[in-house]
N, C-alpha and C. Protein backbone atom coordinates (compact mmCIF):
# COMPACT_ATOMS: atom_id res chain seq x y z
N MET A 1 9.58 -2.05 -2.69
CA MET A 1 10.99 -1.71 -2.59
C MET A 1 11.66 -2.42 -1.42
N GLN A 2 11.09 -2.24 -0.23
CA GLN A 2 11.69 -2.80 0.97
C GLN A 2 10.83 -3.95 1.48
N ILE A 3 11.25 -5.15 1.29
CA ILE A 3 10.50 -6.30 1.78
C ILE A 3 10.71 -6.41 3.28
N GLY A 4 9.62 -6.72 3.98
CA GLY A 4 9.69 -6.88 5.41
C GLY A 4 9.59 -5.58 6.19
N LYS A 5 9.28 -4.50 5.53
CA LYS A 5 9.14 -3.20 6.19
C LYS A 5 7.66 -2.89 6.39
N SER A 6 7.36 -2.18 7.46
CA SER A 6 6.02 -1.65 7.65
C SER A 6 6.15 -0.27 8.27
N ILE A 7 5.26 0.62 7.85
CA ILE A 7 5.27 1.98 8.38
C ILE A 7 3.84 2.41 8.68
N CYS A 8 3.71 3.35 9.58
CA CYS A 8 2.43 3.94 9.92
C CYS A 8 2.70 5.37 10.38
N GLY A 9 2.04 6.32 9.72
CA GLY A 9 2.26 7.70 10.08
C GLY A 9 1.25 8.62 9.43
N SER A 10 1.43 9.88 9.65
CA SER A 10 0.53 10.92 9.15
C SER A 10 0.94 11.34 7.74
N ALA A 11 -0.05 11.51 6.87
CA ALA A 11 0.22 11.84 5.47
C ALA A 11 0.54 13.31 5.26
N VAL A 12 1.58 13.54 4.49
CA VAL A 12 1.85 14.84 3.87
C VAL A 12 1.73 14.57 2.38
N THR A 13 0.94 15.36 1.67
CA THR A 13 0.72 15.09 0.25
C THR A 13 1.48 16.08 -0.63
N ALA A 14 1.92 15.56 -1.77
CA ALA A 14 2.54 16.40 -2.81
C ALA A 14 1.90 16.03 -4.13
N ILE A 15 1.29 17.00 -4.78
CA ILE A 15 0.67 16.79 -6.08
C ILE A 15 1.54 17.49 -7.11
N CYS A 16 2.14 16.70 -7.99
CA CYS A 16 3.10 17.20 -8.99
C CYS A 16 2.52 17.00 -10.39
N TYR A 17 3.01 17.77 -11.32
CA TYR A 17 2.71 17.48 -12.72
C TYR A 17 3.61 16.33 -13.16
N ALA A 18 3.08 15.49 -14.04
CA ALA A 18 3.84 14.33 -14.52
C ALA A 18 5.20 14.79 -15.02
N GLY A 19 6.25 14.11 -14.58
CA GLY A 19 7.60 14.41 -15.04
C GLY A 19 8.24 15.62 -14.38
N ASP A 20 7.62 16.15 -13.32
CA ASP A 20 8.16 17.33 -12.64
C ASP A 20 8.05 17.12 -11.13
N ASN A 21 9.16 17.26 -10.41
CA ASN A 21 9.12 16.99 -8.98
C ASN A 21 9.32 18.23 -8.10
N LEU A 22 9.03 19.41 -8.62
CA LEU A 22 9.18 20.64 -7.84
C LEU A 22 8.42 20.56 -6.52
N MET A 23 7.21 20.03 -6.54
CA MET A 23 6.40 20.00 -5.33
C MET A 23 6.90 18.96 -4.32
N VAL A 24 7.66 17.98 -4.77
CA VAL A 24 8.29 17.06 -3.81
C VAL A 24 9.30 17.84 -2.99
N HIS A 25 10.08 18.68 -3.64
CA HIS A 25 11.05 19.51 -2.93
C HIS A 25 10.35 20.44 -1.94
N ALA A 26 9.20 21.00 -2.35
CA ALA A 26 8.44 21.87 -1.46
C ALA A 26 7.88 21.08 -0.28
N ALA A 27 7.45 19.85 -0.52
CA ALA A 27 6.86 19.03 0.55
C ALA A 27 7.89 18.65 1.61
N ILE A 28 9.14 18.50 1.21
CA ILE A 28 10.19 18.14 2.18
C ILE A 28 10.22 19.16 3.32
N GLU A 29 10.03 20.43 2.98
CA GLU A 29 10.04 21.48 3.99
C GLU A 29 8.89 21.31 4.99
N VAL A 30 7.77 20.78 4.54
CA VAL A 30 6.57 20.62 5.37
C VAL A 30 6.64 19.37 6.25
N CYS A 31 7.36 18.36 5.81
CA CYS A 31 7.41 17.08 6.52
C CYS A 31 8.03 17.22 7.90
N LYS A 32 7.42 16.49 8.84
CA LYS A 32 7.91 16.44 10.22
C LYS A 32 8.26 15.00 10.57
N PRO A 33 9.01 14.78 11.63
CA PRO A 33 9.32 13.41 12.03
C PRO A 33 8.05 12.58 12.20
N GLY A 34 8.10 11.37 11.63
CA GLY A 34 6.96 10.46 11.73
C GLY A 34 5.97 10.57 10.60
N ASP A 35 6.15 11.55 9.71
CA ASP A 35 5.25 11.70 8.56
C ASP A 35 5.57 10.67 7.47
N ILE A 36 4.61 10.49 6.60
CA ILE A 36 4.80 9.70 5.39
C ILE A 36 4.45 10.59 4.21
N LEU A 37 5.36 10.72 3.26
CA LEU A 37 5.13 11.56 2.10
C LEU A 37 4.38 10.76 1.04
N VAL A 38 3.22 11.27 0.64
CA VAL A 38 2.39 10.66 -0.39
C VAL A 38 2.47 11.55 -1.63
N ILE A 39 3.00 10.99 -2.72
CA ILE A 39 3.24 11.77 -3.94
C ILE A 39 2.36 11.23 -5.06
N THR A 40 1.68 12.14 -5.73
CA THR A 40 0.88 11.76 -6.88
C THR A 40 1.12 12.77 -8.00
N THR A 41 0.69 12.40 -9.20
CA THR A 41 0.94 13.28 -10.35
C THR A 41 -0.35 13.59 -11.08
N ILE A 42 -0.33 14.75 -11.71
CA ILE A 42 -1.39 15.14 -12.63
C ILE A 42 -0.92 14.65 -13.99
N GLY A 43 -1.58 13.66 -14.52
CA GLY A 43 -1.13 13.00 -15.74
C GLY A 43 -0.33 11.76 -15.37
N GLU A 44 -0.39 10.78 -16.21
CA GLU A 44 0.30 9.51 -15.98
C GLU A 44 1.81 9.73 -15.98
N SER A 45 2.49 9.12 -15.00
CA SER A 45 3.94 9.30 -14.92
C SER A 45 4.61 8.04 -14.40
N ALA A 46 5.65 7.62 -15.10
CA ALA A 46 6.53 6.57 -14.61
C ALA A 46 7.91 7.14 -14.33
N SER A 47 8.09 8.42 -14.60
CA SER A 47 9.40 9.07 -14.38
C SER A 47 9.89 8.85 -12.96
N GLY A 48 11.21 8.83 -12.81
CA GLY A 48 11.81 8.68 -11.49
C GLY A 48 11.68 9.98 -10.72
N MET A 49 10.56 10.14 -10.02
CA MET A 49 10.23 11.39 -9.32
C MET A 49 11.11 11.63 -8.09
N ILE A 50 11.59 10.54 -7.48
CA ILE A 50 12.50 10.68 -6.35
C ILE A 50 13.66 9.73 -6.54
N GLY A 51 14.77 10.06 -5.91
CA GLY A 51 15.96 9.21 -5.95
C GLY A 51 16.73 9.36 -4.65
N GLU A 52 17.98 9.00 -4.71
CA GLU A 52 18.82 8.97 -3.51
C GLU A 52 18.85 10.30 -2.77
N LEU A 53 18.99 11.41 -3.48
CA LEU A 53 19.14 12.70 -2.81
C LEU A 53 17.87 13.12 -2.06
N ILE A 54 16.72 12.92 -2.69
CA ILE A 54 15.47 13.24 -2.00
C ILE A 54 15.29 12.33 -0.79
N VAL A 55 15.61 11.06 -0.95
CA VAL A 55 15.50 10.14 0.18
C VAL A 55 16.41 10.59 1.33
N GLU A 56 17.61 11.01 1.00
CA GLU A 56 18.52 11.51 2.05
C GLU A 56 17.90 12.71 2.78
N ALA A 57 17.28 13.61 2.02
CA ALA A 57 16.64 14.78 2.64
C ALA A 57 15.47 14.36 3.53
N LEU A 58 14.69 13.38 3.08
CA LEU A 58 13.56 12.90 3.88
C LEU A 58 14.04 12.19 5.14
N ARG A 59 15.10 11.40 5.01
CA ARG A 59 15.66 10.73 6.19
C ARG A 59 16.14 11.76 7.21
N LYS A 60 16.75 12.83 6.73
CA LYS A 60 17.25 13.88 7.62
C LYS A 60 16.10 14.49 8.43
N ARG A 61 14.91 14.56 7.82
CA ARG A 61 13.72 15.11 8.49
C ARG A 61 12.95 14.03 9.25
N LYS A 62 13.50 12.80 9.27
CA LYS A 62 12.90 11.66 9.99
C LYS A 62 11.52 11.27 9.46
N VAL A 63 11.37 11.41 8.14
CA VAL A 63 10.15 10.92 7.47
C VAL A 63 10.23 9.40 7.44
N LEU A 64 9.10 8.73 7.66
CA LEU A 64 9.10 7.27 7.77
C LEU A 64 9.18 6.55 6.43
N GLY A 65 8.68 7.17 5.37
CA GLY A 65 8.69 6.51 4.07
C GLY A 65 7.92 7.32 3.04
N VAL A 66 7.84 6.75 1.84
CA VAL A 66 7.16 7.41 0.71
C VAL A 66 6.21 6.43 0.05
N ILE A 67 5.04 6.95 -0.29
CA ILE A 67 4.07 6.25 -1.14
C ILE A 67 3.98 7.12 -2.38
N ILE A 68 4.26 6.56 -3.56
CA ILE A 68 4.29 7.38 -4.76
C ILE A 68 3.58 6.68 -5.91
N ASP A 69 2.65 7.42 -6.50
CA ASP A 69 1.88 6.92 -7.63
C ASP A 69 2.59 7.31 -8.93
N ALA A 70 3.87 7.04 -8.97
CA ALA A 70 4.72 7.32 -10.13
C ALA A 70 5.99 6.48 -9.94
N GLY A 71 7.04 6.84 -10.66
CA GLY A 71 8.27 6.07 -10.58
C GLY A 71 9.28 6.66 -9.62
N ILE A 72 10.28 5.83 -9.33
CA ILE A 72 11.43 6.26 -8.54
C ILE A 72 12.69 5.85 -9.30
N ARG A 73 13.82 6.40 -8.89
CA ARG A 73 15.10 5.99 -9.47
C ARG A 73 16.08 5.76 -8.31
N ASP A 74 17.26 5.28 -8.63
CA ASP A 74 18.27 4.97 -7.61
C ASP A 74 17.76 3.90 -6.63
N SER A 75 17.04 2.93 -7.15
CA SER A 75 16.38 1.94 -6.28
C SER A 75 17.39 1.14 -5.45
N ALA A 76 18.51 0.77 -6.01
CA ALA A 76 19.50 0.01 -5.23
C ALA A 76 20.01 0.84 -4.05
N LYS A 77 20.28 2.10 -4.29
CA LYS A 77 20.78 2.98 -3.23
C LYS A 77 19.69 3.19 -2.16
N ILE A 78 18.43 3.34 -2.59
CA ILE A 78 17.34 3.53 -1.63
C ILE A 78 17.20 2.29 -0.75
N ARG A 79 17.35 1.10 -1.35
CA ARG A 79 17.31 -0.13 -0.55
C ARG A 79 18.48 -0.16 0.43
N GLU A 80 19.64 0.24 -0.05
CA GLU A 80 20.83 0.27 0.80
C GLU A 80 20.63 1.23 1.98
N LEU A 81 19.93 2.32 1.74
CA LEU A 81 19.64 3.30 2.80
C LEU A 81 18.54 2.81 3.74
N ASN A 82 17.92 1.68 3.38
CA ASN A 82 16.89 1.06 4.21
C ASN A 82 15.69 1.99 4.39
N PHE A 83 15.36 2.72 3.32
CA PHE A 83 14.25 3.67 3.37
C PHE A 83 13.05 3.08 2.65
N PRO A 84 11.91 2.90 3.34
CA PRO A 84 10.75 2.27 2.72
C PRO A 84 10.07 3.17 1.69
N VAL A 85 9.87 2.60 0.50
CA VAL A 85 9.18 3.29 -0.59
C VAL A 85 8.23 2.30 -1.26
N TRP A 86 7.01 2.76 -1.50
CA TRP A 86 6.05 1.99 -2.29
C TRP A 86 5.79 2.81 -3.54
N SER A 87 6.17 2.27 -4.71
CA SER A 87 6.02 2.99 -5.97
C SER A 87 5.40 2.09 -7.02
N LYS A 88 4.94 2.69 -8.11
CA LYS A 88 4.37 1.87 -9.17
C LYS A 88 5.37 1.58 -10.28
N ALA A 89 6.54 2.19 -10.22
CA ALA A 89 7.54 1.95 -11.27
C ALA A 89 8.93 2.31 -10.76
N ILE A 90 9.91 1.73 -11.42
CA ILE A 90 11.31 2.12 -11.23
C ILE A 90 11.79 2.51 -12.62
N PHE A 91 12.27 3.74 -12.74
CA PHE A 91 12.62 4.26 -14.07
C PHE A 91 13.72 5.30 -13.91
N ALA A 92 14.78 5.15 -14.68
CA ALA A 92 15.95 6.02 -14.54
C ALA A 92 15.71 7.45 -15.00
N GLU A 93 14.68 7.68 -15.80
CA GLU A 93 14.42 9.03 -16.31
C GLU A 93 14.16 10.00 -15.16
N GLY A 94 14.87 11.11 -15.16
CA GLY A 94 14.69 12.14 -14.14
C GLY A 94 13.52 13.05 -14.45
N THR A 95 13.44 14.16 -13.74
CA THR A 95 12.31 15.08 -13.87
C THR A 95 12.78 16.52 -13.99
N SER A 96 11.86 17.36 -14.41
CA SER A 96 12.11 18.80 -14.39
C SER A 96 11.67 19.33 -13.03
N LYS A 97 11.91 20.62 -12.81
CA LYS A 97 11.58 21.24 -11.53
C LYS A 97 11.07 22.66 -11.76
N TYR A 98 10.02 22.80 -12.55
CA TYR A 98 9.54 24.16 -12.81
C TYR A 98 8.02 24.30 -12.83
N LYS A 99 7.27 23.23 -12.60
CA LYS A 99 5.81 23.34 -12.63
C LYS A 99 5.25 23.28 -11.22
N GLY A 100 4.51 24.30 -10.85
CA GLY A 100 3.88 24.34 -9.53
C GLY A 100 2.81 23.26 -9.41
N GLY A 101 2.39 23.01 -8.21
CA GLY A 101 1.35 22.03 -7.91
C GLY A 101 0.84 22.33 -6.51
N TRP A 102 0.68 21.31 -5.69
CA TRP A 102 0.13 21.51 -4.37
C TRP A 102 0.87 20.65 -3.34
N VAL A 103 0.96 21.19 -2.13
CA VAL A 103 1.45 20.45 -0.98
C VAL A 103 0.35 20.51 0.07
N ASN A 104 0.09 19.36 0.67
CA ASN A 104 -0.94 19.23 1.71
C ASN A 104 -2.32 19.65 1.25
N ALA A 105 -2.64 19.26 0.04
CA ALA A 105 -4.00 19.38 -0.50
C ALA A 105 -4.52 17.96 -0.68
N PRO A 106 -5.84 17.77 -0.71
CA PRO A 106 -6.37 16.43 -0.98
C PRO A 106 -5.79 15.89 -2.29
N ALA A 107 -5.36 14.64 -2.26
CA ALA A 107 -4.69 14.03 -3.42
C ALA A 107 -5.30 12.66 -3.70
N ILE A 108 -5.29 12.27 -4.95
CA ILE A 108 -5.71 10.91 -5.33
C ILE A 108 -4.43 10.12 -5.63
N CYS A 109 -4.20 9.08 -4.85
CA CYS A 109 -3.01 8.25 -5.02
C CYS A 109 -3.46 6.80 -5.09
N GLY A 110 -3.17 6.15 -6.19
CA GLY A 110 -3.60 4.76 -6.36
C GLY A 110 -5.12 4.63 -6.37
N GLY A 111 -5.80 5.69 -6.81
CA GLY A 111 -7.25 5.67 -6.88
C GLY A 111 -7.95 5.98 -5.56
N ILE A 112 -7.18 6.31 -4.52
CA ILE A 112 -7.74 6.58 -3.19
C ILE A 112 -7.46 8.03 -2.82
N GLU A 113 -8.47 8.69 -2.24
CA GLU A 113 -8.25 10.06 -1.78
C GLU A 113 -7.45 10.04 -0.47
N VAL A 114 -6.41 10.85 -0.45
CA VAL A 114 -5.57 10.99 0.73
C VAL A 114 -5.58 12.47 1.11
N ASN A 115 -5.95 12.73 2.35
CA ASN A 115 -5.95 14.10 2.85
C ASN A 115 -4.80 14.30 3.81
N PRO A 116 -4.27 15.50 3.89
CA PRO A 116 -3.19 15.76 4.84
C PRO A 116 -3.62 15.34 6.25
N GLY A 117 -2.76 14.63 6.93
CA GLY A 117 -3.06 14.18 8.28
C GLY A 117 -3.75 12.83 8.36
N ASP A 118 -4.23 12.30 7.22
CA ASP A 118 -4.78 10.94 7.23
C ASP A 118 -3.67 9.99 7.68
N ILE A 119 -4.07 8.86 8.23
CA ILE A 119 -3.10 7.87 8.67
C ILE A 119 -2.82 6.90 7.53
N VAL A 120 -1.55 6.71 7.22
CA VAL A 120 -1.12 5.81 6.15
C VAL A 120 -0.39 4.64 6.78
N LEU A 121 -0.80 3.44 6.39
CA LEU A 121 -0.13 2.21 6.83
C LEU A 121 0.32 1.49 5.58
N ALA A 122 1.55 0.99 5.58
CA ALA A 122 2.06 0.27 4.41
C ALA A 122 2.94 -0.87 4.88
N ASP A 123 2.81 -2.00 4.18
CA ASP A 123 3.65 -3.16 4.46
C ASP A 123 3.76 -4.00 3.19
N ASP A 124 4.21 -5.24 3.32
CA ASP A 124 4.40 -6.10 2.16
C ASP A 124 3.12 -6.34 1.37
N ASP A 125 1.96 -6.18 2.02
CA ASP A 125 0.69 -6.42 1.34
C ASP A 125 0.14 -5.20 0.63
N GLY A 126 0.71 -4.03 0.85
CA GLY A 126 0.23 -2.84 0.17
C GLY A 126 0.10 -1.66 1.11
N VAL A 127 -0.81 -0.75 0.73
CA VAL A 127 -0.97 0.52 1.43
C VAL A 127 -2.44 0.71 1.79
N VAL A 128 -2.68 1.19 3.01
CA VAL A 128 -4.04 1.51 3.46
C VAL A 128 -4.03 2.94 3.98
N VAL A 129 -5.10 3.66 3.66
CA VAL A 129 -5.26 5.03 4.16
C VAL A 129 -6.49 5.07 5.04
N VAL A 130 -6.32 5.61 6.25
CA VAL A 130 -7.43 5.76 7.19
C VAL A 130 -7.68 7.25 7.36
N GLU A 131 -8.92 7.67 7.09
CA GLU A 131 -9.26 9.08 7.27
C GLU A 131 -9.03 9.46 8.73
N LYS A 132 -8.39 10.59 8.94
CA LYS A 132 -8.04 10.98 10.30
C LYS A 132 -9.29 11.10 11.18
N ASP A 133 -10.43 11.49 10.61
CA ASP A 133 -11.66 11.62 11.39
C ASP A 133 -12.29 10.27 11.70
N ASN A 134 -11.82 9.21 11.05
CA ASN A 134 -12.40 7.88 11.23
C ASN A 134 -11.44 6.94 11.98
N LEU A 135 -10.40 7.48 12.58
CA LEU A 135 -9.36 6.67 13.19
C LEU A 135 -9.88 5.78 14.31
N ASN A 136 -10.64 6.35 15.26
CA ASN A 136 -11.12 5.56 16.40
C ASN A 136 -12.01 4.41 15.96
N ASN A 137 -12.91 4.67 15.02
CA ASN A 137 -13.79 3.62 14.51
C ASN A 137 -13.00 2.54 13.79
N THR A 138 -11.97 2.95 13.06
CA THR A 138 -11.13 1.99 12.34
C THR A 138 -10.35 1.11 13.32
N ILE A 139 -9.84 1.70 14.37
CA ILE A 139 -9.11 0.92 15.38
C ILE A 139 -10.05 -0.10 16.02
N LYS A 140 -11.26 0.32 16.37
CA LYS A 140 -12.24 -0.58 16.97
C LYS A 140 -12.57 -1.73 16.01
N SER A 141 -12.83 -1.42 14.74
CA SER A 141 -13.15 -2.46 13.75
C SER A 141 -11.97 -3.40 13.54
N SER A 142 -10.76 -2.85 13.54
CA SER A 142 -9.56 -3.68 13.35
C SER A 142 -9.38 -4.66 14.50
N LYS A 143 -9.62 -4.20 15.73
CA LYS A 143 -9.51 -5.09 16.89
C LYS A 143 -10.55 -6.21 16.80
N GLN A 144 -11.76 -5.86 16.38
CA GLN A 144 -12.80 -6.89 16.23
C GLN A 144 -12.38 -7.91 15.18
N ARG A 145 -11.83 -7.45 14.07
CA ARG A 145 -11.39 -8.35 13.01
C ARG A 145 -10.26 -9.25 13.49
N MET A 146 -9.31 -8.70 14.23
CA MET A 146 -8.20 -9.49 14.73
C MET A 146 -8.69 -10.56 15.71
N ASN A 147 -9.66 -10.21 16.55
CA ASN A 147 -10.23 -11.19 17.48
C ASN A 147 -10.94 -12.31 16.72
N LYS A 148 -11.68 -11.94 15.67
CA LYS A 148 -12.37 -12.94 14.85
C LYS A 148 -11.36 -13.87 14.18
N GLU A 149 -10.28 -13.32 13.67
CA GLU A 149 -9.27 -14.15 13.01
C GLU A 149 -8.57 -15.07 14.02
N GLU A 150 -8.36 -14.59 15.23
CA GLU A 150 -7.76 -15.44 16.26
C GLU A 150 -8.69 -16.61 16.58
N TYR A 151 -9.98 -16.34 16.67
CA TYR A 151 -10.97 -17.39 16.90
C TYR A 151 -10.94 -18.41 15.76
N THR A 152 -10.85 -17.91 14.53
CA THR A 152 -10.80 -18.80 13.36
C THR A 152 -9.52 -19.64 13.36
N LYS A 153 -8.40 -19.04 13.70
CA LYS A 153 -7.14 -19.79 13.79
C LYS A 153 -7.25 -20.93 14.80
N ASN A 154 -7.90 -20.65 15.93
CA ASN A 154 -8.09 -21.69 16.95
C ASN A 154 -8.96 -22.83 16.42
N ARG A 155 -9.98 -22.49 15.64
CA ARG A 155 -10.84 -23.53 15.06
C ARG A 155 -10.03 -24.41 14.11
N ILE A 156 -9.20 -23.78 13.30
CA ILE A 156 -8.35 -24.54 12.36
C ILE A 156 -7.38 -25.41 13.14
N GLU A 157 -6.77 -24.84 14.17
CA GLU A 157 -5.84 -25.59 15.01
C GLU A 157 -6.52 -26.81 15.64
N ASN A 158 -7.81 -26.68 15.95
CA ASN A 158 -8.58 -27.78 16.55
C ASN A 158 -9.08 -28.79 15.52
N GLY A 159 -8.68 -28.60 14.26
CA GLY A 159 -9.02 -29.58 13.23
C GLY A 159 -10.30 -29.30 12.46
N GLU A 160 -10.97 -28.21 12.75
CA GLU A 160 -12.19 -27.89 12.00
C GLU A 160 -11.81 -27.44 10.59
N LEU A 161 -12.69 -27.71 9.66
CA LEU A 161 -12.48 -27.32 8.27
C LEU A 161 -13.25 -26.05 7.94
N SER A 162 -12.62 -25.18 7.18
CA SER A 162 -13.27 -23.94 6.78
C SER A 162 -14.53 -24.22 5.96
N LEU A 163 -14.56 -25.33 5.23
CA LEU A 163 -15.78 -25.70 4.49
C LEU A 163 -16.97 -25.82 5.42
N ASP A 164 -16.72 -26.27 6.64
CA ASP A 164 -17.81 -26.45 7.59
C ASP A 164 -18.15 -25.17 8.35
N PHE A 165 -17.16 -24.52 8.95
CA PHE A 165 -17.52 -23.36 9.77
C PHE A 165 -17.91 -22.14 8.95
N TYR A 166 -17.56 -22.10 7.67
CA TYR A 166 -18.05 -21.04 6.79
C TYR A 166 -19.29 -21.47 6.00
N LYS A 167 -19.74 -22.72 6.26
CA LYS A 167 -20.91 -23.29 5.57
C LYS A 167 -20.74 -23.24 4.04
N LEU A 168 -19.57 -23.66 3.59
CA LEU A 168 -19.25 -23.61 2.17
C LEU A 168 -19.65 -24.88 1.42
N ARG A 169 -19.96 -25.94 2.15
CA ARG A 169 -20.40 -27.17 1.47
C ARG A 169 -21.65 -26.90 0.65
N GLU A 170 -22.55 -26.08 1.19
CA GLU A 170 -23.77 -25.71 0.47
C GLU A 170 -23.44 -24.98 -0.83
N VAL A 171 -22.46 -24.13 -0.78
CA VAL A 171 -22.04 -23.38 -1.97
C VAL A 171 -21.46 -24.33 -3.01
N LEU A 172 -20.65 -25.28 -2.57
CA LEU A 172 -20.11 -26.28 -3.49
C LEU A 172 -21.24 -27.05 -4.17
N GLU A 173 -22.22 -27.44 -3.37
CA GLU A 173 -23.35 -28.20 -3.91
C GLU A 173 -24.14 -27.37 -4.91
N GLN A 174 -24.40 -26.11 -4.58
CA GLN A 174 -25.14 -25.21 -5.48
C GLN A 174 -24.41 -25.02 -6.80
N ASN A 175 -23.09 -25.11 -6.77
CA ASN A 175 -22.29 -24.94 -7.98
C ASN A 175 -22.00 -26.24 -8.70
N GLY A 176 -22.54 -27.34 -8.18
CA GLY A 176 -22.36 -28.63 -8.84
C GLY A 176 -20.95 -29.17 -8.77
N VAL A 177 -20.21 -28.79 -7.75
CA VAL A 177 -18.83 -29.26 -7.61
C VAL A 177 -18.84 -30.73 -7.21
N ILE A 178 -18.04 -31.53 -7.91
CA ILE A 178 -17.95 -32.96 -7.66
C ILE A 178 -16.53 -33.30 -7.24
N TYR A 179 -16.42 -34.12 -6.20
CA TYR A 179 -15.11 -34.62 -5.76
C TYR A 179 -14.84 -35.92 -6.50
N TYR A 180 -13.66 -36.06 -7.07
CA TYR A 180 -13.24 -37.31 -7.68
C TYR A 180 -12.50 -38.13 -6.64
N LYS A 181 -12.91 -39.37 -6.50
CA LYS A 181 -12.23 -40.25 -5.54
C LYS A 181 -10.98 -40.86 -6.15
N ASP A 182 -11.06 -41.21 -7.44
CA ASP A 182 -9.92 -41.82 -8.12
C ASP A 182 -10.07 -41.65 -9.62
N SER A 183 -9.14 -42.21 -10.38
CA SER A 183 -9.17 -42.05 -11.84
C SER A 183 -10.38 -42.74 -12.46
N GLU A 184 -10.92 -43.77 -11.82
CA GLU A 184 -12.11 -44.45 -12.35
C GLU A 184 -13.32 -43.51 -12.34
N ASP A 185 -13.44 -42.71 -11.29
CA ASP A 185 -14.54 -41.73 -11.23
C ASP A 185 -14.43 -40.73 -12.37
N ARG A 186 -13.21 -40.30 -12.68
CA ARG A 186 -13.02 -39.34 -13.77
C ARG A 186 -13.38 -39.96 -15.12
N LYS A 187 -13.04 -41.24 -15.31
CA LYS A 187 -13.37 -41.93 -16.55
C LYS A 187 -14.87 -42.03 -16.72
N LYS A 188 -15.59 -42.38 -15.63
CA LYS A 188 -17.05 -42.53 -15.68
C LYS A 188 -17.70 -41.19 -16.05
N LEU A 189 -17.17 -40.11 -15.51
CA LEU A 189 -17.74 -38.81 -15.78
C LEU A 189 -17.59 -38.43 -17.25
N LYS A 190 -16.47 -38.80 -17.85
CA LYS A 190 -16.23 -38.48 -19.26
C LYS A 190 -17.14 -39.26 -20.19
N GLU A 191 -17.60 -40.44 -19.76
CA GLU A 191 -18.43 -41.28 -20.62
C GLU A 191 -19.82 -40.81 -20.77
């Protein structure tokens, strides 16, 4: 929805029945500043589970954004409000509001289990969920990965080829990959 946006915050979960957003309304009451609302459905749903009015309510509570394994509506208005949403569909069809569900219970969203209080990070590349009990280990691993990537960037800047420092030439050879020097080489190979 929002290109160039990134968010990181604590998960509040809402588990709704497909086509019914009653539990989204209940979750708004639970949300605190800095939270991210994670919405999932029981049963497949592309229905517009949230729209402009729900986004306005979430903004009022200083929620950072929404991750939803269903559809949204009022997408132009949500973009105009500059509110980050990651959804699997945009669909004008609204929802009912009469089926109970769960707020702040373990939820499966996008095939990943999200527990209340887990850390959710989302940006242009997608969404990541970090178990709240694994946060320190994840931060440590992330710093190590960033340092490794910085080292690799320096190697590239110094003119080294990834084929060499990743030892990929051996893989090319094992797979029988041939480099063509010119069109004559290609003709010879066809013969």
